[in-house]
Amino acid sequence: MVDISIRDGIITAITPPGQAEGETLLDGSGLYVSSGWIDLHVHAVPELNPYGDDIDEIGVKQGVTTLVDAGSCGADRIGEFYIGSLKAATRVFALLNISRIGLERTDELSQLEWIDQTKAVEAAAAYPGFIVGLKARISQSVVKDSGIQPLKLARALSEATKLPLMVHIGSAPPAVTEVLELLQPGDVITHYLNGKSNNLFHEDGAPLQELLDAAARGVHLDVGHGTASFSFRVAEQAKAAGIALNTISTDIYRGNRLNGPVYSMSNVLSKFLYLGYSLEEVIRAVTTGAAEWLGKPELARIRVGKQANLTLFAYEAGEQQLTDSEGDVRVADHYIEAKGVFVNGSLITG
């Protein structure tokens, strides 16, 4: 147990309980505090449908102080999104969709002419502190007849911009093994625990050798729960196989926030508690793990003299129903519940 003293948004002291000094006391008895949660995969452009939501609804109101919009925008509207993000209390970064149209439609890689390298390079150069990577959704409903070619163009774009790729995996074609072969250290596979037939595990639960090879060479594994991309069965296979838990993200947007199965970051984190990961492992996957991938380790630190970027949460005993993307319902006996964040010099509760 500790007390944290904050003045003008800066941590001034971390002391044993009862020793903090200040004008206003916030009693956090019974709560945990961590560095601010980071959600590495959300869709935070409210005008887009179906994949859109308001930044702070899926950010600070959920205990998330930093989010990464995962390719909602391509070069055509990334500037507009950047300007809008500055109005939010949540810190925002973005992955640039390799398709210039972004998620204005959901088959954004079905026409190769929409992958405009010149415009993408210009966008990356225009917003260097905001754009932290590139996003390519490589599943059949997105690429249509383009096959693996969009990912090959994404690889070239990554080389031109020096930005890593986050690659969405889903239904074939292309086969997931073709996708894995093109990924390099620092790239991200999101939806790695999906339950579709084109997933990363054999029927007996053994991981594909191509997955093991990718992880060994430094490809990052991200949950990206979403409406259709998280399976308890596959997650149990991954844990049994010793696959590292790199980052837990939600792939949240208005529909799966209001109607499930995602609901909130707390709900997704609770699913990993249910799976048998420790509280420390779960929180690391939404703080240190994400901050390291972003190249911003300071976001995962709580230190005197630094800006207070904190999430307050409860670790509760009690039953909670948890539903995966396959409709599989499990009942947990412990769960996590976000209680608020401290950012920008203020406490914000949901």
Protein backbone atom coordinates (compact mmCIF):
# COMPACT_ATOMS: atom_id res chain seq x y z
CA MET A 1 0.00 0.00 0.00
CA VAL A 2 1.21 3.50 -0.82
CA ASP A 3 0.10 7.10 -0.95
CA ILE A 4 0.71 9.12 -4.12
CA SER A 5 0.94 12.91 -3.86
CA ILE A 6 0.19 14.95 -6.98
CA ARG A 7 0.50 18.68 -7.58
CA ASP A 8 -0.34 20.37 -10.88
CA GLY A 9 -0.51 16.96 -12.51
CA ILE A 10 3.01 15.95 -11.43
CA ILE A 11 3.74 13.16 -8.94
CA THR A 12 5.53 14.84 -6.03
CA ALA A 13 5.86 11.91 -3.62
CA ILE A 14 5.21 8.18 -3.25
CA THR A 15 5.07 7.34 0.46
CA PRO A 16 3.85 4.68 2.89
CA PRO A 17 0.11 4.96 3.65
CA GLY A 18 -0.95 7.86 5.81
CA GLN A 19 2.09 10.00 5.08
CA ALA A 20 0.92 11.95 2.03
CA GLU A 21 0.42 15.69 2.34
CA GLY A 22 -1.95 17.81 0.28
CA GLU A 23 -5.08 19.90 0.15
CA THR A 24 -7.45 17.27 -1.27
CA LEU A 25 -7.63 13.64 -0.17
CA LEU A 26 -8.85 10.90 -2.51
CA ASP A 27 -9.47 7.75 -0.50
CA GLY A 28 -8.51 4.83 -2.70
CA SER A 29 -8.71 2.22 0.03
CA GLY A 30 -9.27 -1.20 -1.47
CA LEU A 31 -8.29 -0.09 -4.98
CA TYR A 32 -5.27 -0.83 -7.09
CA VAL A 33 -3.40 1.80 -9.07
CA SER A 34 -1.33 1.17 -12.18
CA SER A 35 0.15 3.32 -14.87
CA GLY A 36 -2.58 4.32 -17.29
CA TRP A 37 -3.99 1.46 -19.32
CA ILE A 38 -3.10 1.44 -23.01
CA ASP A 39 -5.47 -0.04 -25.59
CA LEU A 40 -3.44 -0.91 -28.68
CA HIS A 41 -6.44 -1.60 -30.94
CA VAL A 42 -9.63 0.51 -30.99
CA HIS A 43 -11.79 2.31 -33.55
CA ALA A 44 -12.28 5.88 -32.38
CA VAL A 45 -13.66 7.86 -35.30
CA PRO A 46 -17.30 8.45 -34.31
CA GLU A 47 -18.54 9.23 -37.83
CA LEU A 48 -17.52 5.86 -39.23
CA ASN A 49 -20.01 3.00 -39.30
CA PRO A 50 -19.96 0.25 -38.19
CA TYR A 51 -16.42 0.61 -36.85
CA GLY A 52 -16.44 3.88 -34.93
CA ASP A 53 -16.93 5.38 -31.45
CA ASP A 54 -16.22 8.48 -29.38
CA ILE A 55 -12.64 8.69 -28.13
CA ASP A 56 -13.32 9.29 -24.44
CA GLU A 57 -16.15 6.72 -24.32
CA ILE A 58 -13.61 4.01 -25.10
CA GLY A 59 -10.72 5.86 -23.45
CA VAL A 60 -10.70 7.57 -20.07
CA LYS A 61 -14.26 6.49 -19.21
CA GLN A 62 -13.03 2.88 -19.46
CA GLY A 63 -9.85 3.36 -17.45
CA VAL A 64 -7.81 3.71 -20.67
CA THR A 65 -5.56 6.76 -20.69
CA THR A 66 -3.91 6.02 -24.04
CA LEU A 67 -5.43 4.41 -27.09
CA VAL A 68 -4.24 3.53 -30.56
CA ASP A 69 -6.80 3.82 -33.33
CA ALA A 70 -6.10 0.79 -35.49
CA GLY A 71 -6.49 1.94 -39.05
CA SER A 72 -9.85 3.69 -39.07
CA CYS A 73 -8.31 6.33 -41.33
CA GLY A 74 -6.14 6.23 -44.38
CA ALA A 75 -4.32 9.15 -45.94
CA ASP A 76 -7.58 10.79 -47.07
CA ARG A 77 -8.77 11.73 -43.57
CA ILE A 78 -5.97 11.08 -41.07
CA GLY A 79 -5.42 14.84 -40.69
CA GLU A 80 -9.06 15.39 -39.77
CA PHE A 81 -8.83 12.62 -37.18
CA TYR A 82 -5.66 14.10 -35.71
CA ILE A 83 -7.30 17.49 -35.21
CA GLY A 84 -10.32 15.88 -33.58
CA SER A 85 -8.18 13.78 -31.26
CA LEU A 86 -6.65 16.89 -29.69
CA LYS A 87 -10.01 17.69 -28.08
CA ALA A 88 -10.13 14.43 -26.11
CA ALA A 89 -8.95 13.83 -22.56
CA THR A 90 -7.54 10.48 -23.74
CA ARG A 91 -4.08 10.39 -25.33
CA VAL A 92 -4.44 9.17 -28.91
CA PHE A 93 -2.08 7.60 -31.42
CA ALA A 94 -3.01 6.12 -34.78
CA LEU A 95 -2.12 3.37 -37.18
CA LEU A 96 -2.50 4.59 -40.75
CA ASN A 97 -4.64 2.31 -42.87
CA ILE A 98 -2.64 1.38 -45.98
CA SER A 99 -5.81 2.04 -47.98
CA ARG A 100 -6.23 5.78 -48.47
CA ILE A 101 -10.01 5.45 -47.87
CA GLY A 102 -9.62 3.70 -44.51
CA LEU A 103 -12.80 2.26 -43.07
CA GLU A 104 -15.15 4.37 -45.14
CA ARG A 105 -16.06 0.93 -46.44
CA THR A 106 -15.16 -2.50 -45.08
CA ASP A 107 -13.53 -3.91 -48.22
CA GLU A 108 -10.92 -1.16 -48.31
CA LEU A 109 -8.20 -3.42 -49.78
CA SER A 110 -10.33 -4.93 -52.54
CA GLN A 111 -9.06 -2.36 -55.08
CA LEU A 112 -5.29 -2.10 -55.24
CA GLU A 113 -5.45 1.48 -56.56
CA TRP A 114 -6.71 2.52 -53.11
CA ILE A 115 -3.25 1.68 -51.75
CA ASP A 116 -1.55 4.94 -52.72
CA GLN A 117 2.06 4.83 -51.54
CA THR A 118 2.76 8.49 -52.29
CA LYS A 119 -0.18 9.72 -50.22
CA ALA A 120 0.60 7.31 -47.39
CA VAL A 121 4.24 8.43 -47.21
CA GLU A 122 3.15 12.07 -47.20
CA ALA A 123 0.67 11.40 -44.37
CA ALA A 124 3.26 9.58 -42.27
CA ALA A 125 5.67 12.48 -42.73
CA ALA A 126 3.00 15.05 -41.85
CA TYR A 127 2.04 13.46 -38.50
CA PRO A 128 5.20 11.78 -37.18
CA GLY A 129 4.26 11.96 -33.49
CA PHE A 130 0.74 10.75 -34.08
CA ILE A 131 1.09 7.91 -36.59
CA VAL A 132 2.93 5.03 -34.90
CA GLY A 133 2.45 2.31 -37.49
CA LEU A 134 0.51 1.01 -40.48
CA LYS A 135 -2.61 -1.17 -40.49
CA ALA A 136 -3.49 -3.84 -43.03
CA ARG A 137 -6.64 -5.93 -42.64
CA ILE A 138 -5.72 -9.14 -44.43
CA SER A 139 -8.83 -11.33 -44.49
CA GLN A 140 -11.06 -12.42 -47.33
CA SER A 141 -13.91 -9.99 -46.70
CA VAL A 142 -11.49 -7.06 -46.88
CA VAL A 143 -9.13 -8.03 -49.70
CA LYS A 144 -11.74 -9.84 -51.86
CA ASP A 145 -9.86 -10.99 -54.97
CA SER A 146 -6.64 -9.12 -54.14
CA GLY A 147 -5.24 -12.06 -52.15
CA ILE A 148 -1.88 -11.50 -50.45
CA GLN A 149 -0.92 -8.58 -52.73
CA PRO A 150 -2.13 -5.83 -50.33
CA LEU A 151 0.21 -7.18 -47.64
CA LYS A 152 3.13 -7.16 -50.08
CA LEU A 153 2.34 -3.52 -50.84
CA ALA A 154 2.06 -2.86 -47.09
CA ARG A 155 5.52 -4.37 -46.62
CA ALA A 156 6.94 -1.97 -49.20
CA LEU A 157 5.13 0.92 -47.54
CA SER A 158 6.56 -0.09 -44.17
CA GLU A 159 10.05 0.03 -45.64
CA ALA A 160 9.38 3.44 -47.18
CA THR A 161 8.02 4.98 -43.96
CA LYS A 162 10.10 3.01 -41.41
CA LEU A 163 6.84 2.20 -39.61
CA PRO A 164 5.84 -1.26 -38.34
CA LEU A 165 2.79 -3.12 -39.56
CA MET A 166 -0.21 -4.26 -37.56
CA VAL A 167 -1.88 -7.02 -39.52
CA HIS A 168 -5.44 -8.16 -38.91
CA ILE A 169 -5.86 -11.89 -39.56
CA GLY A 170 -9.17 -13.58 -40.25
CA SER A 171 -10.85 -15.78 -42.82
CA ALA A 172 -8.94 -17.17 -45.81
CA PRO A 173 -7.86 -16.58 -48.46
CA PRO A 174 -5.09 -15.63 -48.02
CA ALA A 175 -3.90 -18.42 -45.74
CA VAL A 176 -2.57 -17.23 -42.41
CA THR A 177 0.74 -18.95 -43.13
CA GLU A 178 1.23 -16.67 -46.16
CA VAL A 179 0.64 -13.68 -43.90
CA LEU A 180 3.09 -14.80 -41.24
CA GLU A 181 5.89 -15.25 -43.76
CA LEU A 182 5.82 -11.52 -44.59
CA LEU A 183 5.99 -10.21 -41.01
CA GLN A 184 9.18 -8.83 -39.52
CA PRO A 185 10.42 -8.00 -36.00
CA GLY A 186 8.27 -5.26 -34.46
CA ASP A 187 5.25 -6.02 -36.63
CA VAL A 188 2.01 -6.97 -34.88
CA ILE A 189 -0.43 -9.81 -35.44
CA THR A 190 -3.76 -8.69 -34.04
CA HIS A 191 -6.65 -11.15 -33.43
CA TYR A 192 -4.14 -13.94 -32.71
CA LEU A 193 -6.69 -15.75 -30.51
CA ASN A 194 -9.51 -15.82 -33.07
CA GLY A 195 -11.54 -19.00 -33.46
CA LYS A 196 -11.91 -19.00 -37.23
CA SER A 197 -10.75 -21.94 -39.34
CA ASN A 198 -7.82 -19.90 -40.67
CA ASN A 199 -6.32 -19.44 -37.19
CA LEU A 200 -2.86 -19.96 -35.71
CA PHE A 201 -3.40 -23.35 -34.06
CA HIS A 202 -3.91 -26.90 -35.24
CA GLU A 203 -7.09 -28.78 -34.30
CA ASP A 204 -5.23 -30.53 -31.48
CA GLY A 205 -4.26 -27.14 -29.99
CA ALA A 206 -0.64 -27.14 -31.10
CA PRO A 207 0.54 -23.78 -32.48
CA LEU A 208 1.50 -23.55 -36.13
CA GLN A 209 5.25 -23.69 -36.60
CA GLU A 210 4.99 -20.44 -38.56
CA LEU A 211 3.52 -18.76 -35.45
CA LEU A 212 6.37 -20.02 -33.27
CA ASP A 213 8.89 -18.82 -35.86
CA ALA A 214 7.26 -15.39 -36.08
CA ALA A 215 7.20 -14.95 -32.30
CA ALA A 216 10.83 -16.06 -32.08
CA ARG A 217 11.92 -13.39 -34.55
CA GLY A 218 10.14 -10.63 -32.64
CA VAL A 219 6.66 -10.40 -34.14
CA HIS A 220 4.31 -9.00 -31.47
CA LEU A 221 1.07 -10.79 -30.57
CA ASP A 222 -1.97 -8.62 -29.79
CA VAL A 223 -5.40 -9.84 -28.67
CA GLY A 224 -7.74 -7.44 -30.53
CA HIS A 225 -10.86 -9.10 -29.05
CA GLY A 226 -13.51 -7.47 -31.23
CA THR A 227 -16.86 -8.84 -32.27
CA ALA A 228 -15.48 -11.91 -34.04
CA SER A 229 -11.86 -12.38 -33.03
CA PHE A 230 -11.50 -13.87 -29.53
CA SER A 231 -12.13 -17.51 -28.62
CA PHE A 232 -11.81 -18.94 -25.11
CA ARG A 233 -10.95 -22.30 -26.67
CA VAL A 234 -8.09 -20.89 -28.72
CA ALA A 235 -6.89 -18.74 -25.81
CA GLU A 236 -6.69 -21.87 -23.67
CA GLN A 237 -4.66 -23.55 -26.41
CA ALA A 238 -2.27 -20.59 -26.52
CA LYS A 239 -1.78 -20.59 -22.76
CA ALA A 240 -1.23 -24.36 -22.66
CA ALA A 241 1.37 -24.00 -25.43
CA GLY A 242 3.22 -21.28 -23.51
CA ILE A 243 2.59 -18.58 -26.11
CA ALA A 244 3.57 -15.25 -24.56
CA LEU A 245 0.84 -12.76 -23.66
CA ASN A 246 2.23 -9.58 -25.26
CA THR A 247 -0.68 -7.10 -25.28
CA ILE A 248 -4.38 -7.24 -24.47
CA SER A 249 -6.47 -4.91 -26.61
CA THR A 250 -10.20 -4.62 -27.20
CA ASP A 251 -10.88 -3.78 -30.87
CA ILE A 252 -13.77 -1.85 -29.35
CA TYR A 253 -16.27 0.31 -31.20
CA ARG A 254 -19.82 1.46 -30.50
CA GLY A 255 -21.58 -1.77 -31.46
CA ASN A 256 -19.51 -4.22 -29.44
CA ARG A 257 -19.23 -1.77 -26.53
CA LEU A 258 -22.98 -1.41 -26.13
CA ASN A 259 -24.09 -4.89 -27.22
CA GLY A 260 -21.04 -7.03 -26.44
CA PRO A 261 -19.14 -9.21 -26.46
CA VAL A 262 -16.40 -6.66 -25.68
CA TYR A 263 -18.23 -4.12 -23.47
CA SER A 264 -15.10 -2.63 -21.91
CA MET A 265 -11.39 -3.01 -21.32
CA SER A 266 -12.19 -4.26 -17.80
CA ASN A 267 -14.35 -7.02 -19.26
CA VAL A 268 -11.60 -8.13 -21.64
CA LEU A 269 -8.96 -8.10 -18.89
CA SER A 270 -11.25 -10.18 -16.68
CA LYS A 271 -11.33 -12.87 -19.36
CA PHE A 272 -7.59 -13.33 -18.99
CA LEU A 273 -7.90 -13.57 -15.22
CA TYR A 274 -10.45 -16.32 -15.85
CA LEU A 275 -7.95 -18.08 -18.13
CA GLY A 276 -5.51 -18.30 -15.24
CA TYR A 277 -3.14 -15.42 -15.86
CA SER A 278 -2.12 -13.54 -12.73
CA LEU A 279 -3.31 -10.01 -12.05
CA GLU A 280 0.27 -8.83 -12.59
CA GLU A 281 0.49 -10.55 -16.00
CA VAL A 282 -2.84 -9.11 -17.10
CA ILE A 283 -2.02 -5.54 -16.08
CA ARG A 284 1.44 -5.77 -17.63
CA ALA A 285 -0.20 -6.66 -20.97
CA VAL A 286 -2.18 -3.40 -20.93
CA THR A 287 0.63 -1.18 -19.58
CA THR A 288 4.28 -2.17 -19.96
CA GLY A 289 3.74 -4.49 -22.92
CA ALA A 290 1.92 -1.85 -24.94
CA ALA A 291 4.25 0.99 -23.90
CA GLU A 292 7.27 -1.03 -24.99
CA TRP A 293 5.78 -1.71 -28.42
CA LEU A 294 4.98 1.99 -28.80
CA GLY A 295 8.57 2.86 -27.91
CA LYS A 296 7.22 5.02 -25.10
CA PRO A 297 8.23 3.23 -21.87
CA GLU A 298 7.51 6.37 -19.84
CA LEU A 299 3.79 5.69 -20.28
CA ALA A 300 4.14 2.64 -18.04
CA ARG A 301 6.07 4.32 -15.22
CA ILE A 302 4.87 5.84 -11.95
CA ARG A 303 7.72 8.07 -10.78
CA VAL A 304 8.24 11.18 -8.70
CA GLY A 305 8.71 14.23 -10.89
CA LYS A 306 6.78 12.74 -13.81
CA GLN A 307 3.27 13.44 -15.05
CA ALA A 308 0.56 11.47 -13.26
CA ASN A 309 -0.85 9.00 -15.79
CA LEU A 310 -2.77 6.54 -13.62
CA THR A 311 -5.61 4.04 -13.71
CA LEU A 312 -7.51 3.14 -10.55
CA PHE A 313 -9.23 -0.23 -10.56
CA ALA A 314 -10.79 -2.82 -8.29
CA TYR A 315 -10.03 -6.55 -8.20
CA GLU A 316 -13.33 -7.98 -7.07
CA ALA A 317 -14.41 -11.40 -5.83
CA GLY A 318 -17.75 -12.44 -7.23
CA GLU A 319 -19.36 -14.11 -10.20
CA GLN A 320 -19.28 -12.44 -13.58
CA GLN A 321 -20.46 -13.90 -16.89
CA LEU A 322 -17.95 -13.48 -19.69
CA THR A 323 -18.73 -14.09 -23.36
CA ASP A 324 -16.25 -14.63 -26.18
CA SER A 325 -16.73 -13.91 -29.87
CA GLU A 326 -18.03 -17.44 -30.49
CA GLY A 327 -20.87 -17.05 -27.99
CA ASP A 328 -19.10 -19.27 -25.44
CA VAL A 329 -20.06 -18.09 -21.94
CA ARG A 330 -17.79 -18.67 -18.95
CA VAL A 331 -18.40 -17.67 -15.33
CA ALA A 332 -15.48 -16.02 -13.52
CA ASP A 333 -15.12 -15.85 -9.74
CA HIS A 334 -12.94 -12.70 -9.83
CA TYR A 335 -13.06 -9.71 -12.13
CA ILE A 336 -11.47 -6.33 -12.77
CA GLU A 337 -13.44 -3.10 -12.72
CA ALA A 338 -12.01 0.29 -13.72
CA LYS A 339 -12.85 3.03 -11.22
CA GLY A 340 -11.22 6.07 -12.78
CA VAL A 341 -8.12 7.66 -14.23
CA PHE A 342 -5.88 10.54 -13.27
CA VAL A 343 -4.74 12.41 -16.37
CA ASN A 344 -4.12 16.01 -17.38
CA GLY A 345 -4.10 17.05 -13.73
CA SER A 346 -7.60 15.73 -13.03
CA LEU A 347 -9.40 12.67 -11.75
CA ILE A 348 -11.94 11.35 -14.27
CA THR A 349 -14.45 8.64 -13.41
CA GLY A 350 -16.77 6.82 -15.79
